[in-house]
Amino acid sequence: MEIGKTYDVAFSTGRYEIENEKCVTCIKKTPKSYRVKREDGTTRLVGQDSILELKEVSPLTGIETRLK
């Protein structure tokens, strides 16, 4: 993830739990995690090792771009 870009993220939160966050913007990067901001203004911490799928989304048009 890069700071300032918008993503759709799927990540594991527990042994058997997977969560999805749509249209979140990366606002901070640390060695082990990312701080992302949701559209409603709340933030969430996402661990780098827990990310299962990451898609970059254009904030203006909503067009998705696959990241490899």
PDB file of N, CA and C in Angstrom:
ATOM      1  N   MET A   1       0.839  -1.185   0.000  1.00  0.00           N
ATOM      2  CA  MET A   1       0.000   0.000   0.000  1.00  0.00           C
ATOM      3  C   MET A   1       0.880   1.242   0.000  1.00  0.00           C
ATOM      4  N   GLU A   2       0.373   2.267  -0.628  1.00  0.00           N
ATOM      5  CA  GLU A   2       1.070   3.542  -0.643  1.00  0.00           C
ATOM      6  C   GLU A   2       0.196   4.603   0.020  1.00  0.00           C
ATOM      7  N   ILE A   3       0.826   5.493   0.741  1.00  0.00           N
ATOM      8  CA  ILE A   3       0.104   6.545   1.449  1.00  0.00           C
ATOM      9  C   ILE A   3      -0.598   7.451   0.441  1.00  0.00           C
ATOM     10  N   GLY A   4      -1.878   7.732   0.717  1.00  0.00           N
ATOM     11  CA  GLY A   4      -2.667   8.621  -0.125  1.00  0.00           C
ATOM     12  C   GLY A   4      -3.464   7.921  -1.202  1.00  0.00           C
ATOM     13  N   LYS A   5      -3.242   6.637  -1.435  1.00  0.00           N
ATOM     14  CA  LYS A   5      -3.990   5.906  -2.454  1.00  0.00           C
ATOM     15  C   LYS A   5      -5.163   5.172  -1.821  1.00  0.00           C
ATOM     16  N   THR A   6      -6.198   4.892  -2.634  1.00  0.00           N
ATOM     17  CA  THR A   6      -7.426   4.266  -2.166  1.00  0.00           C
ATOM     18  C   THR A   6      -7.465   2.811  -2.610  1.00  0.00           C
ATOM     19  N   TYR A   7      -7.921   1.930  -1.701  1.00  0.00           N
ATOM     20  CA  TYR A   7      -7.893   0.488  -1.940  1.00  0.00           C
ATOM     21  C   TYR A   7      -9.164  -0.198  -1.464  1.00  0.00           C
ATOM     22  N   ASP A   8      -9.415  -1.391  -2.032  1.00  0.00           N
ATOM     23  CA  ASP A   8     -10.322  -2.379  -1.471  1.00  0.00           C
ATOM     24  C   ASP A   8      -9.412  -3.452  -0.881  1.00  0.00           C
ATOM     25  N   VAL A   9      -9.614  -3.795   0.391  1.00  0.00           N
ATOM     26  CA  VAL A   9      -8.712  -4.704   1.080  1.00  0.00           C
ATOM     27  C   VAL A   9      -9.492  -5.861   1.698  1.00  0.00           C
ATOM     28  N   ALA A  10      -8.973  -7.082   1.531  1.00  0.00           N
ATOM     29  CA  ALA A  10      -9.474  -8.256   2.245  1.00  0.00           C
ATOM     30  C   ALA A  10      -8.335  -8.731   3.141  1.00  0.00           C
ATOM     31  N   PHE A  11      -8.633  -8.934   4.434  1.00  0.00           N
ATOM     32  CA  PHE A  11      -7.579  -9.329   5.366  1.00  0.00           C
ATOM     33  C   PHE A  11      -8.138 -10.227   6.458  1.00  0.00           C
ATOM     34  N   SER A  12      -7.263 -11.017   7.055  1.00  0.00           N
ATOM     35  CA  SER A  12      -7.688 -11.914   8.133  1.00  0.00           C
ATOM     36  C   SER A  12      -7.584 -11.166   9.459  1.00  0.00           C
ATOM     37  N   THR A  13      -8.596 -11.380  10.315  1.00  0.00           N
ATOM     38  CA  THR A  13      -8.606 -10.730  11.624  1.00  0.00           C
ATOM     39  C   THR A  13      -8.507 -11.733  12.754  1.00  0.00           C
ATOM     40  N   GLY A  14      -8.573 -12.972  12.428  1.00  0.00           N
ATOM     41  CA  GLY A  14      -8.472 -14.037  13.408  1.00  0.00           C
ATOM     42  C   GLY A  14      -8.154 -15.324  12.687  1.00  0.00           C
ATOM     43  N   ARG A  15      -8.199 -16.398  13.411  1.00  0.00           N
ATOM     44  CA  ARG A  15      -7.856 -17.677  12.805  1.00  0.00           C
ATOM     45  C   ARG A  15      -8.802 -18.065  11.679  1.00  0.00           C
ATOM     46  N   TYR A  16     -10.092 -17.801  11.858  1.00  0.00           N
ATOM     47  CA  TYR A  16     -11.090 -18.176  10.855  1.00  0.00           C
ATOM     48  C   TYR A  16     -11.909 -17.001  10.339  1.00  0.00           C
ATOM     49  N   GLU A  17     -11.464 -15.794  10.576  1.00  0.00           N
ATOM     50  CA  GLU A  17     -12.240 -14.619  10.194  1.00  0.00           C
ATOM     51  C   GLU A  17     -11.536 -13.808   9.114  1.00  0.00           C
ATOM     52  N   ILE A  18     -12.306 -13.403   8.096  1.00  0.00           N
ATOM     53  CA  ILE A  18     -11.803 -12.545   7.031  1.00  0.00           C
ATOM     54  C   ILE A  18     -12.730 -11.346   6.931  1.00  0.00           C
ATOM     55  N   GLU A  19     -12.155 -10.162   6.862  1.00  0.00           N
ATOM     56  CA  GLU A  19     -12.950  -8.943   6.733  1.00  0.00           C
ATOM     57  C   GLU A  19     -12.570  -8.212   5.457  1.00  0.00           C
ATOM     58  N   ASN A  20     -13.519  -7.456   4.937  1.00  0.00           N
ATOM     59  CA  ASN A  20     -13.316  -6.650   3.739  1.00  0.00           C
ATOM     60  C   ASN A  20     -13.556  -5.191   4.076  1.00  0.00           C
ATOM     61  N   GLU A  21     -12.718  -4.345   3.564  1.00  0.00           N
ATOM     62  CA  GLU A  21     -12.903  -2.900   3.677  1.00  0.00           C
ATOM     63  C   GLU A  21     -12.887  -2.336   2.263  1.00  0.00           C
ATOM     64  N   LYS A  22     -13.923  -1.594   1.903  1.00  0.00           N
ATOM     65  CA  LYS A  22     -14.045  -1.011   0.569  1.00  0.00           C
ATOM     66  C   LYS A  22     -13.699   0.471   0.611  1.00  0.00           C
ATOM     67  N   CYS A  23     -12.978   0.923  -0.381  1.00  0.00           N
ATOM     68  CA  CYS A  23     -12.634   2.337  -0.559  1.00  0.00           C
ATOM     69  C   CYS A  23     -11.999   2.953   0.686  1.00  0.00           C
ATOM     70  N   VAL A  24     -10.919   2.342   1.170  1.00  0.00           N
ATOM     71  CA  VAL A  24     -10.168   2.909   2.289  1.00  0.00           C
ATOM     72  C   VAL A  24      -8.897   3.539   1.754  1.00  0.00           C
ATOM     73  N   THR A  25      -8.479   4.622   2.397  1.00  0.00           N
ATOM     74  CA  THR A  25      -7.286   5.349   1.981  1.00  0.00           C
ATOM     75  C   THR A  25      -6.188   5.125   2.998  1.00  0.00           C
ATOM     76  N   CYS A  26      -5.021   4.751   2.538  1.00  0.00           N
ATOM     77  CA  CYS A  26      -3.871   4.551   3.421  1.00  0.00           C
ATOM     78  C   CYS A  26      -3.387   5.919   3.897  1.00  0.00           C
ATOM     79  N   ILE A  27      -3.323   6.093   5.227  1.00  0.00           N
ATOM     80  CA  ILE A  27      -2.882   7.385   5.753  1.00  0.00           C
ATOM     81  C   ILE A  27      -1.568   7.284   6.524  1.00  0.00           C
ATOM     82  N   LYS A  28      -1.154   6.055   6.905  1.00  0.00           N
ATOM     83  CA  LYS A  28       0.088   5.901   7.644  1.00  0.00           C
ATOM     84  C   LYS A  28       0.625   4.497   7.433  1.00  0.00           C
ATOM     85  N   LYS A  29       1.940   4.381   7.319  1.00  0.00           N
ATOM     86  CA  LYS A  29       2.578   3.086   7.147  1.00  0.00           C
ATOM     87  C   LYS A  29       3.627   2.905   8.239  1.00  0.00           C
ATOM     88  N   THR A  30       3.580   1.759   8.926  1.00  0.00           N
ATOM     89  CA  THR A  30       4.589   1.418   9.920  1.00  0.00           C
ATOM     90  C   THR A  30       5.269   0.129   9.456  1.00  0.00           C
ATOM     91  N   PRO A  31       6.316  -0.306  10.123  1.00  0.00           N
ATOM     92  CA  PRO A  31       6.999  -1.526   9.671  1.00  0.00           C
ATOM     93  C   PRO A  31       6.116  -2.776   9.631  1.00  0.00           C
ATOM     94  N   LYS A  32       5.067  -2.838  10.452  1.00  0.00           N
ATOM     95  CA  LYS A  32       4.232  -4.039  10.490  1.00  0.00           C
ATOM     96  C   LYS A  32       2.769  -3.817  10.136  1.00  0.00           C
ATOM     97  N   SER A  33       2.341  -2.573   9.927  1.00  0.00           N
ATOM     98  CA  SER A  33       0.914  -2.337   9.685  1.00  0.00           C
ATOM     99  C   SER A  33       0.673  -1.068   8.885  1.00  0.00           C
ATOM    100  N   TYR A  34      -0.595  -0.917   8.487  1.00  0.00           N
ATOM    101  CA  TYR A  34      -1.065   0.278   7.796  1.00  0.00           C
ATOM    102  C   TYR A  34      -2.239   0.852   8.568  1.00  0.00           C
ATOM    103  N   ARG A  35      -2.316   2.179   8.637  1.00  0.00           N
ATOM    104  CA  ARG A  35      -3.489   2.849   9.189  1.00  0.00           C
ATOM    105  C   ARG A  35      -4.298   3.311   7.991  1.00  0.00           C
ATOM    106  N   VAL A  36      -5.560   2.858   7.894  1.00  0.00           N
ATOM    107  CA  VAL A  36      -6.411   3.221   6.760  1.00  0.00           C
ATOM    108  C   VAL A  36      -7.605   4.029   7.254  1.00  0.00           C
ATOM    109  N   LYS A  37      -8.068   4.935   6.400  1.00  0.00           N
ATOM    110  CA  LYS A  37      -9.208   5.787   6.734  1.00  0.00           C
ATOM    111  C   LYS A  37     -10.382   5.391   5.847  1.00  0.00           C
ATOM    112  N   ARG A  38     -11.523   5.121   6.485  1.00  0.00           N
ATOM    113  CA  ARG A  38     -12.744   4.769   5.765  1.00  0.00           C
ATOM    114  C   ARG A  38     -13.418   6.028   5.237  1.00  0.00           C
ATOM    115  N   GLU A  39     -14.420   5.840   4.371  1.00  0.00           N
ATOM    116  CA  GLU A  39     -15.147   6.976   3.802  1.00  0.00           C
ATOM    117  C   GLU A  39     -15.884   7.782   4.862  1.00  0.00           C
ATOM    118  N   ASP A  40     -16.308   7.134   5.966  1.00  0.00           N
ATOM    119  CA  ASP A  40     -17.038   7.855   7.017  1.00  0.00           C
ATOM    120  C   ASP A  40     -16.120   8.589   7.990  1.00  0.00           C
ATOM    121  N   GLY A  41     -14.809   8.522   7.760  1.00  0.00           N
ATOM    122  CA  GLY A  41     -13.862   9.262   8.580  1.00  0.00           C
ATOM    123  C   GLY A  41     -13.202   8.463   9.687  1.00  0.00           C
ATOM    124  N   THR A  42     -13.681   7.262   9.981  1.00  0.00           N
ATOM    125  CA  THR A  42     -13.064   6.436  11.014  1.00  0.00           C
ATOM    126  C   THR A  42     -11.816   5.771  10.453  1.00  0.00           C
ATOM    127  N   THR A  43     -10.926   5.357  11.350  1.00  0.00           N
ATOM    128  CA  THR A  43      -9.691   4.716  10.918  1.00  0.00           C
ATOM    129  C   THR A  43      -9.607   3.302  11.454  1.00  0.00           C
ATOM    130  N   ARG A  44      -8.720   2.519  10.838  1.00  0.00           N
ATOM    131  CA  ARG A  44      -8.559   1.126  11.234  1.00  0.00           C
ATOM    132  C   ARG A  44      -7.115   0.727  10.970  1.00  0.00           C
ATOM    133  N   LEU A  45      -6.601  -0.141  11.814  1.00  0.00           N
ATOM    134  CA  LEU A  45      -5.255  -0.656  11.654  1.00  0.00           C
ATOM    135  C   LEU A  45      -5.330  -2.000  10.937  1.00  0.00           C
ATOM    136  N   VAL A  46      -4.526  -2.180   9.888  1.00  0.00           N
ATOM    137  CA  VAL A  46      -4.486  -3.421   9.123  1.00  0.00           C
ATOM    138  C   VAL A  46      -3.042  -3.916   9.122  1.00  0.00           C
ATOM    139  N   GLY A  47      -2.822  -5.134   9.619  1.00  0.00           N
ATOM    140  CA  GLY A  47      -1.483  -5.701   9.641  1.00  0.00           C
ATOM    141  C   GLY A  47      -1.010  -6.068   8.249  1.00  0.00           C
ATOM    142  N   GLN A  48       0.258  -5.814   7.963  1.00  0.00           N
ATOM    143  CA  GLN A  48       0.796  -6.121   6.643  1.00  0.00           C
ATOM    144  C   GLN A  48       0.736  -7.609   6.342  1.00  0.00           C
ATOM    145  N   ASP A  49       0.993  -8.461   7.332  1.00  0.00           N
ATOM    146  CA  ASP A  49       0.991  -9.907   7.132  1.00  0.00           C
ATOM    147  C   ASP A  49      -0.408 -10.488   6.981  1.00  0.00           C
ATOM    148  N   SER A  50      -1.439  -9.744   7.376  1.00  0.00           N
ATOM    149  CA  SER A  50      -2.799 -10.277   7.337  1.00  0.00           C
ATOM    150  C   SER A  50      -3.535  -9.977   6.029  1.00  0.00           C
ATOM    151  N   ILE A  51      -2.962  -9.190   5.126  1.00  0.00           N
ATOM    152  CA  ILE A  51      -3.631  -8.821   3.869  1.00  0.00           C
ATOM    153  C   ILE A  51      -3.667 -10.017   2.927  1.00  0.00           C
ATOM    154  N   LEU A  52      -4.879 -10.379   2.505  1.00  0.00           N
ATOM    155  CA  LEU A  52      -5.073 -11.496   1.586  1.00  0.00           C
ATOM    156  C   LEU A  52      -5.239 -11.029   0.145  1.00  0.00           C
ATOM    157  N   GLU A  53      -5.960  -9.924  -0.043  1.00  0.00           N
ATOM    158  CA  GLU A  53      -6.191  -9.382  -1.382  1.00  0.00           C
ATOM    159  C   GLU A  53      -6.207  -7.866  -1.304  1.00  0.00           C
ATOM    160  N   LEU A  54      -5.611  -7.241  -2.299  1.00  0.00           N
ATOM    161  CA  LEU A  54      -5.495  -5.788  -2.322  1.00  0.00           C
ATOM    162  C   LEU A  54      -5.757  -5.299  -3.735  1.00  0.00           C
ATOM    163  N   LYS A  55      -6.733  -4.398  -3.874  1.00  0.00           N
ATOM    164  CA  LYS A  55      -7.057  -3.813  -5.180  1.00  0.00           C
ATOM    165  C   LYS A  55      -7.014  -2.302  -5.044  1.00  0.00           C
ATOM    166  N   GLU A  56      -6.286  -1.665  -5.941  1.00  0.00           N
ATOM    167  CA  GLU A  56      -6.268  -0.205  -5.950  1.00  0.00           C
ATOM    168  C   GLU A  56      -7.515   0.292  -6.662  1.00  0.00           C
ATOM    169  N   VAL A  57      -8.160   1.313  -6.097  1.00  0.00           N
ATOM    170  CA  VAL A  57      -9.397   1.861  -6.644  1.00  0.00           C
ATOM    171  C   VAL A  57      -9.185   3.343  -6.903  1.00  0.00           C
ATOM    172  N   SER A  58      -9.646   3.815  -8.054  1.00  0.00           N
ATOM    173  CA  SER A  58      -9.586   5.239  -8.342  1.00  0.00           C
ATOM    174  C   SER A  58     -10.665   5.932  -7.523  1.00  0.00           C
ATOM    175  N   PRO A  59     -10.328   6.898  -6.671  1.00  0.00           N
ATOM    176  CA  PRO A  59     -11.325   7.535  -5.816  1.00  0.00           C
ATOM    177  C   PRO A  59     -12.375   8.341  -6.583  1.00  0.00           C
ATOM    178  N   LEU A  60     -12.055   8.802  -7.781  1.00  0.00           N
ATOM    179  CA  LEU A  60     -12.989   9.631  -8.533  1.00  0.00           C
ATOM    180  C   LEU A  60     -13.926   8.817  -9.413  1.00  0.00           C
ATOM    181  N   THR A  61     -13.397   7.791 -10.077  1.00  0.00           N
ATOM    182  CA  THR A  61     -14.206   7.054 -11.039  1.00  0.00           C
ATOM    183  C   THR A  61     -14.672   5.697 -10.524  1.00  0.00           C
ATOM    184  N   GLY A  62     -14.014   5.153  -9.504  1.00  0.00           N
ATOM    185  CA  GLY A  62     -14.387   3.843  -8.971  1.00  0.00           C
ATOM    186  C   GLY A  62     -13.840   2.693  -9.798  1.00  0.00           C
ATOM    187  N   ILE A  63     -12.918   2.978 -10.729  1.00  0.00           N
ATOM    188  CA  ILE A  63     -12.347   1.925 -11.561  1.00  0.00           C
ATOM    189  C   ILE A  63     -11.293   1.184 -10.751  1.00  0.00           C
ATOM    190  N   GLU A  64     -11.386  -0.154 -10.737  1.00  0.00           N
ATOM    191  CA  GLU A  64     -10.448  -0.966  -9.974  1.00  0.00           C
ATOM    192  C   GLU A  64      -9.256  -1.369 -10.832  1.00  0.00           C
ATOM    193  N   THR A  65      -8.098  -1.428 -10.208  1.00  0.00           N
ATOM    194  CA  THR A  65      -6.880  -1.865 -10.877  1.00  0.00           C
ATOM    195  C   THR A  65      -6.246  -2.952 -10.024  1.00  0.00           C
ATOM    196  N   ARG A  66      -5.989  -4.103 -10.608  1.00  0.00           N
ATOM    197  CA  ARG A  66      -5.365  -5.205  -9.869  1.00  0.00           C
ATOM    198  C   ARG A  66      -3.903  -4.881  -9.579  1.00  0.00           C
ATOM    199  N   LEU A  67      -3.482  -5.176  -8.351  1.00  0.00           N
ATOM    200  CA  LEU A  67      -2.081  -5.048  -7.965  1.00  0.00           C
ATOM    201  C   LEU A  67      -1.472  -6.438  -7.887  1.00  0.00           C
ATOM    202  N   LYS A  68      -0.231  -6.555  -8.276  1.00  0.00           N
ATOM    203  CA  LYS A  68       0.442  -7.850  -8.228  1.00  0.00           C
ATOM    204  C   LYS A  68       1.476  -7.864  -7.146  1.00  0.00           C
TER     205      LYS A  68
END
